[in-house]
C-alpha cells in the first residue's frame, strides 16, 4: 500500500497528499511486497527514494512532495525501476521535501 509520511504540513497540503495517496494505492497483487521510503525532509533541494521488493511488484517509482518558500507545492516523480532497485528524485534548488511516497506496478 502506498505510504506517505506527513511532517507538520498545512491542512491543504495534507488533503492534497491524501488525495494523491488514494490514487497511488497499488493493486491487490502488489500488496505482498515490502517497500521502504526515505527523504531529506526540510532540506532545500533535498532528495527522496523508494525501494520495493517481493512478489507482485515489477516496477516502482518514488513520489516526492516538495514545498517552496511561497507555500507552493510540486510533485516530483522518480524513474520507474525494476524490483529491488531504488528510485530517486530531487526537489528543485528552491524547494524542500515535505513528504515521500511511491507507486508500484
Protein backbone atom coordinates (compact mmCIF):
# COMPACT_ATOMS: atom_id res chain seq x y z
CA UNK A 1 0.00 0.00 0.00
CA UNK A 2 1.36 3.49 -0.78
CA UNK A 3 2.82 5.05 2.35
CA UNK A 4 3.06 8.78 2.78
CA UNK A 5 4.89 10.23 5.77
CA UNK A 6 3.43 13.54 6.90
CA UNK A 7 5.53 16.11 8.73
CA UNK A 8 3.84 19.25 10.09
CA UNK A 9 2.24 20.49 6.88
CA UNK A 10 -0.84 22.63 6.33
CA UNK A 11 -4.34 21.16 6.17
CA UNK A 12 -4.49 21.90 2.42
CA UNK A 13 -1.24 20.01 1.88
CA UNK A 14 -2.48 17.06 3.93
CA UNK A 15 -5.69 16.94 1.89
CA UNK A 16 -3.74 17.09 -1.39
CA UNK A 17 -1.35 14.37 -0.24
CA UNK A 18 -4.22 12.19 0.99
CA UNK A 19 -5.94 12.51 -2.39
CA UNK A 20 -2.72 11.60 -4.20
CA UNK A 21 -2.15 8.65 -1.87
CA UNK A 22 -5.58 7.27 -2.74
CA UNK A 23 -4.70 7.45 -6.43
CA UNK A 24 -1.32 5.83 -5.82
CA UNK A 25 -2.60 2.82 -3.91
CA UNK A 26 -1.25 -0.30 -5.56
CA UNK A 27 -3.43 -3.08 -6.91
CA UNK A 28 -4.04 -6.18 -4.79
CA UNK A 29 -1.10 -8.31 -6.05
CA UNK A 30 1.45 -5.61 -5.13
CA UNK A 31 0.35 -5.58 -1.50
CA UNK A 32 2.56 -8.61 -0.77
CA UNK A 33 5.65 -6.50 -1.49
CA UNK A 34 7.88 -4.84 1.07
CA UNK A 35 8.55 -1.17 0.34
CA UNK A 36 10.76 1.42 2.03
CA UNK A 37 10.99 5.18 1.54
CA UNK A 38 13.11 7.98 2.90
CA UNK A 39 13.62 11.68 2.17
CA UNK A 40 15.63 14.65 3.36
CA UNK A 41 12.56 16.31 4.86
CA UNK A 42 13.01 20.07 5.20
CA UNK A 43 16.33 20.20 3.32
CA UNK A 44 16.37 22.72 0.44
CA UNK A 45 16.99 20.79 -2.79
CA UNK A 46 16.58 17.56 -0.83
CA UNK A 47 16.16 14.10 -2.27
CA UNK A 48 13.95 11.11 -1.61
CA UNK A 49 13.91 7.48 -2.59
CA UNK A 50 11.68 4.42 -2.68
CA UNK A 51 12.58 0.74 -2.91
CA UNK A 52 10.16 -2.17 -3.25
CA UNK A 53 10.83 -5.88 -3.45
CA UNK A 54 8.84 -9.07 -3.24
CA UNK A 55 6.05 -10.86 -5.01
CA UNK A 56 3.65 -8.83 -7.10
CA UNK A 57 5.91 -5.84 -7.82
CA UNK A 58 7.64 -5.47 -11.17
CA UNK A 59 8.37 -1.73 -11.08
CA UNK A 60 8.46 1.06 -8.51
CA UNK A 61 8.93 4.83 -8.57
CA UNK A 62 9.33 7.40 -5.83
CA UNK A 63 6.86 10.26 -5.46
CA UNK A 64 8.36 13.28 -3.71
CA UNK A 65 6.17 16.14 -2.47
CA UNK A 66 8.06 19.45 -2.33
CA UNK A 67 7.22 22.92 -0.99
CA UNK A 68 8.86 26.30 -1.61
CA UNK A 69 9.05 29.47 0.49
CA UNK A 70 5.89 30.91 -1.11
CA UNK A 71 3.91 27.87 0.07
CA UNK A 72 3.56 26.35 -3.42
CA UNK A 73 3.72 22.58 -3.76
CA UNK A 74 5.14 20.42 -6.52
CA UNK A 75 5.20 16.68 -7.01
CA UNK A 76 8.37 15.14 -8.40
CA UNK A 77 8.38 11.58 -9.74
CA UNK A 78 11.46 9.41 -9.91
CA UNK A 79 12.05 6.98 -12.75
CA UNK A 80 10.33 3.61 -12.87
CA UNK A 81 12.83 0.99 -11.75
CA UNK A 82 12.76 -2.80 -11.57
CA UNK A 83 12.17 -4.79 -8.41
CA UNK A 84 14.73 -4.23 -5.61
CA UNK A 85 16.27 -1.08 -7.18
CA UNK A 86 15.97 2.41 -5.63
CA UNK A 87 14.07 5.11 -7.48
CA UNK A 88 15.40 8.59 -6.63
CA UNK A 89 14.01 12.10 -7.06
CA UNK A 90 15.14 15.60 -6.06
CA UNK A 91 13.23 18.78 -5.26
CA UNK A 92 14.29 21.94 -7.07
CA UNK A 93 17.07 24.10 -5.66
CA UNK A 94 14.42 26.41 -4.13
CA UNK A 95 12.13 23.82 -2.55
CA UNK A 96 12.33 21.04 0.00
CA UNK A 97 10.72 17.64 0.57
CA UNK A 98 7.70 17.60 2.89
CA UNK A 99 6.62 14.01 2.23
CA UNK A 100 7.60 10.93 0.26
CA UNK A 101 5.64 8.01 -1.17
CA UNK A 102 5.78 5.53 -4.01
CA UNK A 103 3.88 3.93 -6.86
CA UNK A 104 4.14 0.30 -7.94
CA UNK A 105 3.18 -1.78 -10.95
